[in-house]
């Protein structure tokens, strides 16, 4: 194999630099993009956050996540399980009982998500001010354009 050639056809990270702004390739078959799409999804983030403290049953997750449909929760849990972030345990009882919990890999992701939440909390006022300034400029621009 030629030096610098990627071993996996779907591994699209840059082999030359750790700082390449295009390292998260936009191609559909990019593993990095697919993983980021999954873990950055709002439902996945909520599921991971809820499972950090303890295992939960499907109905408990659905009750805690406002606005999620049964189908979307099912799809989200299956995808997180496939990615090795969530463990699904079926208990042989009647009626059937299924619990979901974070895997050790999922727990490491929760730590990363928590850092993002902390950053958001620290900077929320600055973001609100920036939004207000932007909206004000947009309103002023509309007035100028309308004349």
N, C-alpha and C. Protein backbone atom coordinates (compact mmCIF):
# COMPACT_ATOMS: atom_id res chain seq x y z
N UNK A 1 0.85 -1.17 0.00
CA UNK A 1 0.00 0.00 0.00
C UNK A 1 0.90 1.23 0.00
N UNK A 2 0.55 2.23 -0.80
CA UNK A 2 1.33 3.45 -0.92
C UNK A 2 1.29 4.24 0.38
N UNK A 3 2.42 4.86 0.74
CA UNK A 3 2.49 5.64 1.97
C UNK A 3 1.46 6.77 1.92
N UNK A 4 0.73 6.94 3.01
CA UNK A 4 -0.29 7.98 3.09
C UNK A 4 -1.65 7.52 2.58
N UNK A 5 -1.74 6.31 2.03
CA UNK A 5 -3.01 5.80 1.53
C UNK A 5 -3.83 5.28 2.71
N UNK A 6 -5.10 5.62 2.70
CA UNK A 6 -5.98 5.20 3.78
C UNK A 6 -6.33 3.73 3.63
N UNK A 7 -6.35 3.00 4.74
CA UNK A 7 -6.66 1.58 4.70
C UNK A 7 -8.14 1.33 4.54
N UNK A 8 -8.96 2.19 5.07
CA UNK A 8 -10.40 2.04 4.98
C UNK A 8 -10.96 3.05 4.00
N UNK A 9 -11.76 2.61 3.03
CA UNK A 9 -12.28 3.56 2.05
C UNK A 9 -13.23 4.58 2.64
N UNK A 10 -13.81 4.29 3.82
CA UNK A 10 -14.73 5.25 4.41
C UNK A 10 -14.08 6.10 5.47
N UNK A 11 -12.81 5.86 5.76
CA UNK A 11 -12.09 6.71 6.70
C UNK A 11 -11.62 7.93 5.93
N UNK A 12 -12.24 9.08 6.19
CA UNK A 12 -11.98 10.25 5.36
C UNK A 12 -11.24 11.34 6.11
N UNK A 13 -10.68 11.04 7.27
CA UNK A 13 -9.90 12.04 7.99
C UNK A 13 -8.60 12.30 7.26
N UNK A 14 -8.12 13.51 7.34
CA UNK A 14 -6.88 13.90 6.68
C UNK A 14 -5.70 13.21 7.35
N UNK A 15 -4.82 12.62 6.55
CA UNK A 15 -3.67 11.91 7.12
C UNK A 15 -2.47 12.82 7.30
N UNK A 16 -2.53 14.03 6.75
CA UNK A 16 -1.37 14.93 6.79
C UNK A 16 -1.38 15.87 7.99
N UNK A 17 -2.55 16.28 8.47
CA UNK A 17 -2.60 17.32 9.48
C UNK A 17 -3.75 17.09 10.46
N UNK A 18 -3.48 17.35 11.72
CA UNK A 18 -4.53 17.25 12.72
C UNK A 18 -5.42 18.48 12.73
N UNK A 19 -5.02 19.56 12.06
CA UNK A 19 -5.73 20.83 12.11
C UNK A 19 -6.47 21.17 10.82
N UNK A 20 -6.64 20.23 9.93
CA UNK A 20 -7.30 20.50 8.66
C UNK A 20 -8.78 20.81 8.90
N UNK A 21 -9.24 22.00 8.47
CA UNK A 21 -10.65 22.34 8.69
C UNK A 21 -11.61 21.45 7.89
N UNK A 22 -11.10 20.72 6.93
CA UNK A 22 -11.94 19.83 6.12
C UNK A 22 -11.82 18.38 6.57
N UNK A 23 -11.34 18.15 7.78
CA UNK A 23 -11.13 16.78 8.23
C UNK A 23 -12.45 16.02 8.39
N UNK A 24 -13.54 16.72 8.56
CA UNK A 24 -14.84 16.07 8.66
C UNK A 24 -15.49 16.16 7.30
N UNK A 25 -15.14 15.22 6.47
CA UNK A 25 -15.55 15.19 5.07
C UNK A 25 -17.06 15.22 4.97
N UNK A 26 -17.56 15.87 3.93
CA UNK A 26 -19.01 15.98 3.75
C UNK A 26 -19.60 14.85 2.91
N UNK A 27 -18.77 13.91 2.49
CA UNK A 27 -19.31 12.78 1.73
C UNK A 27 -20.20 11.91 2.60
N UNK A 28 -21.22 11.37 2.00
CA UNK A 28 -22.17 10.52 2.73
C UNK A 28 -21.50 9.31 3.38
N UNK A 29 -20.45 8.76 2.73
CA UNK A 29 -19.84 7.53 3.23
C UNK A 29 -18.73 7.79 4.25
N UNK A 30 -18.60 9.00 4.74
CA UNK A 30 -17.55 9.34 5.69
C UNK A 30 -17.94 8.86 7.10
N UNK A 31 -17.11 7.98 7.68
CA UNK A 31 -17.39 7.47 9.02
C UNK A 31 -17.49 8.59 10.05
N UNK A 32 -16.56 9.53 9.99
CA UNK A 32 -16.55 10.63 10.97
C UNK A 32 -17.85 11.42 10.86
N UNK A 33 -18.25 11.72 9.65
CA UNK A 33 -19.49 12.48 9.46
C UNK A 33 -20.68 11.70 10.01
N UNK A 34 -20.74 10.41 9.71
CA UNK A 34 -21.86 9.60 10.18
C UNK A 34 -21.92 9.55 11.70
N UNK A 35 -20.77 9.42 12.33
CA UNK A 35 -20.74 9.37 13.79
C UNK A 35 -21.15 10.72 14.38
N UNK A 36 -20.62 11.80 13.81
CA UNK A 36 -21.00 13.13 14.30
C UNK A 36 -22.49 13.39 14.10
N UNK A 37 -23.02 12.97 12.95
CA UNK A 37 -24.46 13.11 12.72
C UNK A 37 -25.25 12.40 13.81
N UNK A 38 -24.80 11.22 14.19
CA UNK A 38 -25.51 10.44 15.20
C UNK A 38 -25.43 11.08 16.58
N UNK A 39 -24.23 11.40 17.01
CA UNK A 39 -24.09 11.87 18.39
C UNK A 39 -24.50 13.33 18.56
N UNK A 40 -24.58 14.07 17.45
CA UNK A 40 -25.00 15.47 17.55
C UNK A 40 -26.51 15.62 17.39
N UNK A 41 -27.20 14.54 17.11
CA UNK A 41 -28.65 14.55 16.99
C UNK A 41 -29.27 14.88 18.34
N UNK A 42 -30.28 15.74 18.34
CA UNK A 42 -30.86 16.18 19.62
C UNK A 42 -31.42 15.03 20.44
N UNK A 43 -32.02 14.05 19.78
CA UNK A 43 -32.59 12.93 20.54
C UNK A 43 -31.49 12.08 21.15
N UNK A 44 -30.42 11.84 20.41
CA UNK A 44 -29.31 11.05 20.94
C UNK A 44 -28.69 11.74 22.14
N UNK A 45 -28.50 13.05 22.04
CA UNK A 45 -27.92 13.80 23.16
C UNK A 45 -28.78 13.66 24.41
N UNK A 46 -30.09 13.76 24.24
CA UNK A 46 -30.99 13.64 25.39
C UNK A 46 -30.97 12.24 25.99
N UNK A 47 -30.98 11.23 25.14
CA UNK A 47 -30.93 9.84 25.63
C UNK A 47 -29.64 9.60 26.40
N UNK A 48 -28.52 10.02 25.85
CA UNK A 48 -27.23 9.84 26.52
C UNK A 48 -27.20 10.58 27.85
N UNK A 49 -27.73 11.78 27.88
CA UNK A 49 -27.76 12.55 29.13
C UNK A 49 -28.61 11.86 30.18
N UNK A 50 -29.76 11.33 29.79
CA UNK A 50 -30.64 10.66 30.76
C UNK A 50 -30.07 9.34 31.26
N UNK A 51 -29.36 8.63 30.40
CA UNK A 51 -28.82 7.33 30.81
C UNK A 51 -27.52 7.45 31.61
N UNK A 52 -27.02 8.65 31.78
CA UNK A 52 -25.79 8.83 32.53
C UNK A 52 -25.95 8.42 33.99
N UNK A 53 -27.07 8.69 34.57
CA UNK A 53 -27.26 8.44 36.00
C UNK A 53 -27.64 7.00 36.34
N UNK A 54 -28.42 6.38 35.43
CA UNK A 54 -28.89 5.01 35.71
C UNK A 54 -29.52 4.42 34.46
N UNK A 55 -29.79 3.13 34.50
CA UNK A 55 -30.49 2.50 33.39
C UNK A 55 -31.96 2.89 33.47
N UNK A 56 -32.58 2.96 32.31
CA UNK A 56 -33.99 3.33 32.25
C UNK A 56 -34.72 2.40 31.30
N UNK A 57 -36.00 2.25 31.54
CA UNK A 57 -36.85 1.49 30.63
C UNK A 57 -37.31 2.41 29.52
N UNK A 58 -37.78 1.80 28.43
CA UNK A 58 -38.22 2.56 27.26
C UNK A 58 -39.27 3.60 27.66
N UNK A 59 -40.26 3.17 28.43
CA UNK A 59 -41.35 4.09 28.80
C UNK A 59 -40.84 5.24 29.68
N UNK A 60 -39.84 4.97 30.50
CA UNK A 60 -39.26 6.04 31.32
C UNK A 60 -38.55 7.07 30.44
N UNK A 61 -37.80 6.57 29.46
CA UNK A 61 -37.12 7.48 28.54
C UNK A 61 -38.14 8.32 27.76
N UNK A 62 -39.17 7.67 27.28
CA UNK A 62 -40.18 8.40 26.49
C UNK A 62 -40.87 9.46 27.34
N UNK A 63 -41.14 9.15 28.58
CA UNK A 63 -41.80 10.10 29.48
C UNK A 63 -40.89 11.30 29.77
N UNK A 64 -39.58 11.06 29.86
CA UNK A 64 -38.62 12.11 30.20
C UNK A 64 -38.26 13.01 29.02
N UNK A 65 -38.38 12.50 27.79
CA UNK A 65 -37.96 13.27 26.61
C UNK A 65 -39.19 13.88 25.96
N UNK A 66 -39.42 15.14 26.25
CA UNK A 66 -40.58 15.84 25.75
C UNK A 66 -40.53 15.97 24.22
N UNK A 67 -41.61 15.53 23.58
CA UNK A 67 -41.73 15.71 22.14
C UNK A 67 -41.25 14.56 21.28
N UNK A 68 -40.63 13.55 21.86
CA UNK A 68 -40.14 12.44 21.04
C UNK A 68 -41.26 11.42 20.82
N UNK A 69 -41.36 10.93 19.60
CA UNK A 69 -42.37 9.90 19.31
C UNK A 69 -41.81 8.53 19.68
N UNK A 70 -42.70 7.58 19.80
CA UNK A 70 -42.28 6.21 20.12
C UNK A 70 -41.35 5.69 19.03
N UNK A 71 -41.69 5.96 17.78
CA UNK A 71 -40.87 5.49 16.66
C UNK A 71 -39.48 6.13 16.69
N UNK A 72 -39.41 7.45 16.92
CA UNK A 72 -38.12 8.13 16.93
C UNK A 72 -37.25 7.64 18.09
N UNK A 73 -37.86 7.39 19.23
CA UNK A 73 -37.08 6.86 20.36
C UNK A 73 -36.55 5.47 20.03
N UNK A 74 -37.38 4.65 19.40
CA UNK A 74 -36.95 3.31 19.01
C UNK A 74 -35.77 3.38 18.04
N UNK A 75 -35.88 4.23 17.03
CA UNK A 75 -34.81 4.38 16.03
C UNK A 75 -33.54 4.89 16.71
N UNK A 76 -33.67 5.88 17.56
CA UNK A 76 -32.51 6.46 18.24
C UNK A 76 -31.81 5.42 19.11
N UNK A 77 -32.57 4.67 19.88
CA UNK A 77 -31.98 3.65 20.75
C UNK A 77 -31.29 2.56 19.93
N UNK A 78 -31.90 2.15 18.84
CA UNK A 78 -31.27 1.13 17.98
C UNK A 78 -29.95 1.63 17.41
N UNK A 79 -29.93 2.88 16.96
CA UNK A 79 -28.70 3.43 16.39
C UNK A 79 -27.61 3.56 17.45
N UNK A 80 -27.98 4.01 18.63
CA UNK A 80 -27.00 4.14 19.71
C UNK A 80 -26.49 2.76 20.15
N UNK A 81 -27.37 1.78 20.14
CA UNK A 81 -26.95 0.41 20.47
C UNK A 81 -26.00 -0.12 19.40
N UNK A 82 -26.33 0.11 18.14
CA UNK A 82 -25.48 -0.34 17.02
C UNK A 82 -24.10 0.29 17.11
N UNK A 83 -24.04 1.55 17.52
CA UNK A 83 -22.76 2.26 17.62
C UNK A 83 -21.98 1.90 18.89
N UNK A 84 -22.56 1.06 19.73
CA UNK A 84 -21.86 0.63 20.94
C UNK A 84 -21.93 1.62 22.08
N UNK A 85 -22.88 2.54 22.03
CA UNK A 85 -23.00 3.57 23.06
C UNK A 85 -24.04 3.22 24.12
N UNK A 86 -25.01 2.40 23.74
CA UNK A 86 -26.10 2.01 24.65
C UNK A 86 -26.20 0.49 24.66
N UNK A 87 -26.44 -0.05 25.84
CA UNK A 87 -26.66 -1.49 26.00
C UNK A 87 -28.13 -1.73 26.28
N UNK A 88 -28.72 -2.66 25.54
CA UNK A 88 -30.12 -3.03 25.70
C UNK A 88 -30.17 -4.39 26.37
N UNK A 89 -30.87 -4.47 27.51
CA UNK A 89 -30.98 -5.73 28.24
C UNK A 89 -32.45 -6.13 28.32
N UNK A 90 -32.75 -7.32 27.79
CA UNK A 90 -34.12 -7.85 27.84
C UNK A 90 -34.18 -8.83 29.00
N UNK A 91 -35.12 -8.59 29.92
CA UNK A 91 -35.31 -9.47 31.08
C UNK A 91 -36.43 -10.47 30.76
N UNK A 92 -36.20 -11.75 30.99
CA UNK A 92 -37.20 -12.78 30.66
C UNK A 92 -38.32 -12.85 31.70
N UNK A 93 -39.14 -11.83 31.70
CA UNK A 93 -40.28 -11.78 32.62
C UNK A 93 -41.53 -11.46 31.81
N UNK A 94 -42.68 -11.66 32.42
CA UNK A 94 -43.95 -11.33 31.78
C UNK A 94 -44.60 -10.23 32.61
N UNK A 95 -44.94 -9.09 32.01
CA UNK A 95 -44.65 -8.70 30.63
C UNK A 95 -43.14 -8.45 30.45
N UNK A 96 -42.67 -8.49 29.21
CA UNK A 96 -41.24 -8.30 28.96
C UNK A 96 -40.75 -6.96 29.49
N UNK A 97 -39.53 -6.97 30.01
CA UNK A 97 -38.94 -5.74 30.53
C UNK A 97 -37.61 -5.53 29.82
N UNK A 98 -37.43 -4.33 29.30
CA UNK A 98 -36.20 -3.99 28.59
C UNK A 98 -35.61 -2.74 29.23
N UNK A 99 -34.34 -2.84 29.59
CA UNK A 99 -33.63 -1.71 30.18
C UNK A 99 -32.55 -1.23 29.22
N UNK A 100 -32.27 0.06 29.28
CA UNK A 100 -31.21 0.67 28.48
C UNK A 100 -30.24 1.36 29.42
N UNK A 101 -28.96 1.22 29.11
CA UNK A 101 -27.93 1.88 29.90
C UNK A 101 -26.76 2.25 29.00
N UNK A 102 -25.95 3.20 29.45
CA UNK A 102 -24.77 3.57 28.68
C UNK A 102 -23.71 2.48 28.81
N UNK A 103 -23.02 2.23 27.73
CA UNK A 103 -21.84 1.36 27.77
C UNK A 103 -20.68 2.21 28.27
N UNK A 104 -19.54 1.61 28.59
CA UNK A 104 -18.37 2.43 28.97
C UNK A 104 -18.01 3.45 27.87
N UNK A 105 -18.15 3.06 26.61
CA UNK A 105 -17.90 4.00 25.51
C UNK A 105 -18.90 5.15 25.54
N UNK A 106 -20.17 4.84 25.78
CA UNK A 106 -21.20 5.86 25.88
C UNK A 106 -20.95 6.81 27.04
N UNK A 107 -20.42 6.28 28.14
CA UNK A 107 -20.11 7.13 29.30
C UNK A 107 -19.01 8.13 28.95
N UNK A 108 -18.04 7.72 28.14
CA UNK A 108 -16.99 8.68 27.76
C UNK A 108 -17.57 9.78 26.88
N UNK A 109 -18.55 9.44 26.06
CA UNK A 109 -19.20 10.46 25.24
C UNK A 109 -19.99 11.42 26.12
N UNK A 110 -20.62 10.90 27.16
CA UNK A 110 -21.37 11.78 28.06
C UNK A 110 -20.45 12.83 28.66
N UNK A 111 -19.24 12.44 29.03
CA UNK A 111 -18.30 13.42 29.59
C UNK A 111 -18.03 14.54 28.60
N UNK A 112 -17.89 14.20 27.34
CA UNK A 112 -17.65 15.20 26.29
C UNK A 112 -18.86 16.10 26.11
N UNK A 113 -20.04 15.51 26.10
CA UNK A 113 -21.27 16.28 25.97
C UNK A 113 -21.42 17.23 27.15
N UNK A 114 -21.08 16.75 28.34
CA UNK A 114 -21.18 17.58 29.54
C UNK A 114 -20.28 18.81 29.42
N UNK A 115 -19.10 18.64 28.84
CA UNK A 115 -18.20 19.79 28.63
C UNK A 115 -18.84 20.80 27.69
N UNK A 116 -19.54 20.34 26.67
CA UNK A 116 -20.24 21.23 25.75
C UNK A 116 -21.37 21.97 26.47
N UNK A 117 -22.09 21.28 27.32
CA UNK A 117 -23.17 21.91 28.09
C UNK A 117 -22.60 22.99 29.01
N UNK A 118 -21.51 22.69 29.68
CA UNK A 118 -20.87 23.68 30.56
C UNK A 118 -20.45 24.90 29.76
N UNK A 119 -19.83 24.68 28.58
CA UNK A 119 -19.43 25.80 27.72
C UNK A 119 -20.64 26.66 27.37
N UNK A 120 -21.76 26.00 27.03
CA UNK A 120 -22.98 26.71 26.66
C UNK A 120 -23.50 27.54 27.82
N UNK A 121 -23.48 26.97 29.01
CA UNK A 121 -23.95 27.70 30.19
C UNK A 121 -23.08 28.92 30.47
N UNK A 122 -21.77 28.76 30.33
CA UNK A 122 -20.84 29.87 30.59
C UNK A 122 -21.03 31.00 29.58
N UNK A 123 -21.30 30.66 28.33
CA UNK A 123 -21.34 31.65 27.26
C UNK A 123 -22.74 32.02 26.78
N UNK A 124 -23.78 31.56 27.47
CA UNK A 124 -25.14 31.81 26.99
C UNK A 124 -25.49 33.29 26.92
N UNK A 125 -25.00 34.10 27.85
CA UNK A 125 -25.29 35.54 27.81
C UNK A 125 -24.61 36.21 26.62
N UNK A 126 -23.38 35.82 26.34
CA UNK A 126 -22.68 36.38 25.18
C UNK A 126 -23.39 36.02 23.88
N UNK A 127 -23.87 34.80 23.81
CA UNK A 127 -24.59 34.36 22.61
C UNK A 127 -25.91 35.11 22.48
N UNK A 128 -26.60 35.31 23.59
CA UNK A 128 -27.86 36.07 23.56
C UNK A 128 -27.60 37.51 23.09
N UNK A 129 -26.53 38.12 23.57
CA UNK A 129 -26.18 39.48 23.14
C UNK A 129 -25.83 39.51 21.65
N UNK A 130 -25.08 38.53 21.18
CA UNK A 130 -24.72 38.47 19.77
C UNK A 130 -25.97 38.29 18.90
N UNK A 131 -26.88 37.46 19.35
CA UNK A 131 -28.13 37.26 18.60
C UNK A 131 -28.93 38.54 18.53
N UNK A 132 -29.04 39.24 19.64
CA UNK A 132 -29.80 40.49 19.66
C UNK A 132 -29.15 41.53 18.74
N UNK A 133 -27.83 41.63 18.77
CA UNK A 133 -27.13 42.57 17.89
C UNK A 133 -27.35 42.20 16.43
N UNK A 134 -27.29 40.94 16.11
CA UNK A 134 -27.52 40.47 14.74
C UNK A 134 -28.95 40.80 14.30
N UNK A 135 -29.92 40.48 15.16
CA UNK A 135 -31.32 40.74 14.83
C UNK A 135 -31.56 42.23 14.63
N UNK A 136 -30.93 43.06 15.45
CA UNK A 136 -31.07 44.51 15.31
C UNK A 136 -30.51 44.98 13.97
N UNK A 137 -29.33 44.47 13.60
CA UNK A 137 -28.74 44.82 12.29
C UNK A 137 -29.64 44.37 11.15
N UNK A 138 -30.23 43.18 11.28
CA UNK A 138 -31.12 42.66 10.24
C UNK A 138 -32.37 43.55 10.12
N UNK A 139 -32.93 43.98 11.25
CA UNK A 139 -34.11 44.86 11.22
C UNK A 139 -33.76 46.18 10.55
N UNK A 140 -32.60 46.75 10.91
CA UNK A 140 -32.17 48.01 10.32
C UNK A 140 -31.93 47.85 8.82
N UNK A 141 -31.37 46.75 8.42
CA UNK A 141 -31.12 46.49 7.00
C UNK A 141 -32.42 46.37 6.22
N UNK A 142 -33.43 45.74 6.83
CA UNK A 142 -34.73 45.61 6.18
C UNK A 142 -35.38 46.97 6.00
N UNK A 143 -35.24 47.84 6.99
CA UNK A 143 -35.81 49.18 6.89
C UNK A 143 -35.16 49.97 5.75
N UNK A 144 -33.85 49.86 5.63
CA UNK A 144 -33.12 50.56 4.57
C UNK A 144 -33.53 50.02 3.21
N UNK A 145 -33.66 48.71 3.10
CA UNK A 145 -34.03 48.07 1.84
C UNK A 145 -35.46 48.42 1.45
N UNK A 146 -36.36 48.54 2.43
CA UNK A 146 -37.76 48.83 2.17
C UNK A 146 -37.97 50.26 1.65
N UNK A 147 -37.06 51.17 1.90
CA UNK A 147 -37.23 52.57 1.49
C UNK A 147 -36.92 52.73 0.09
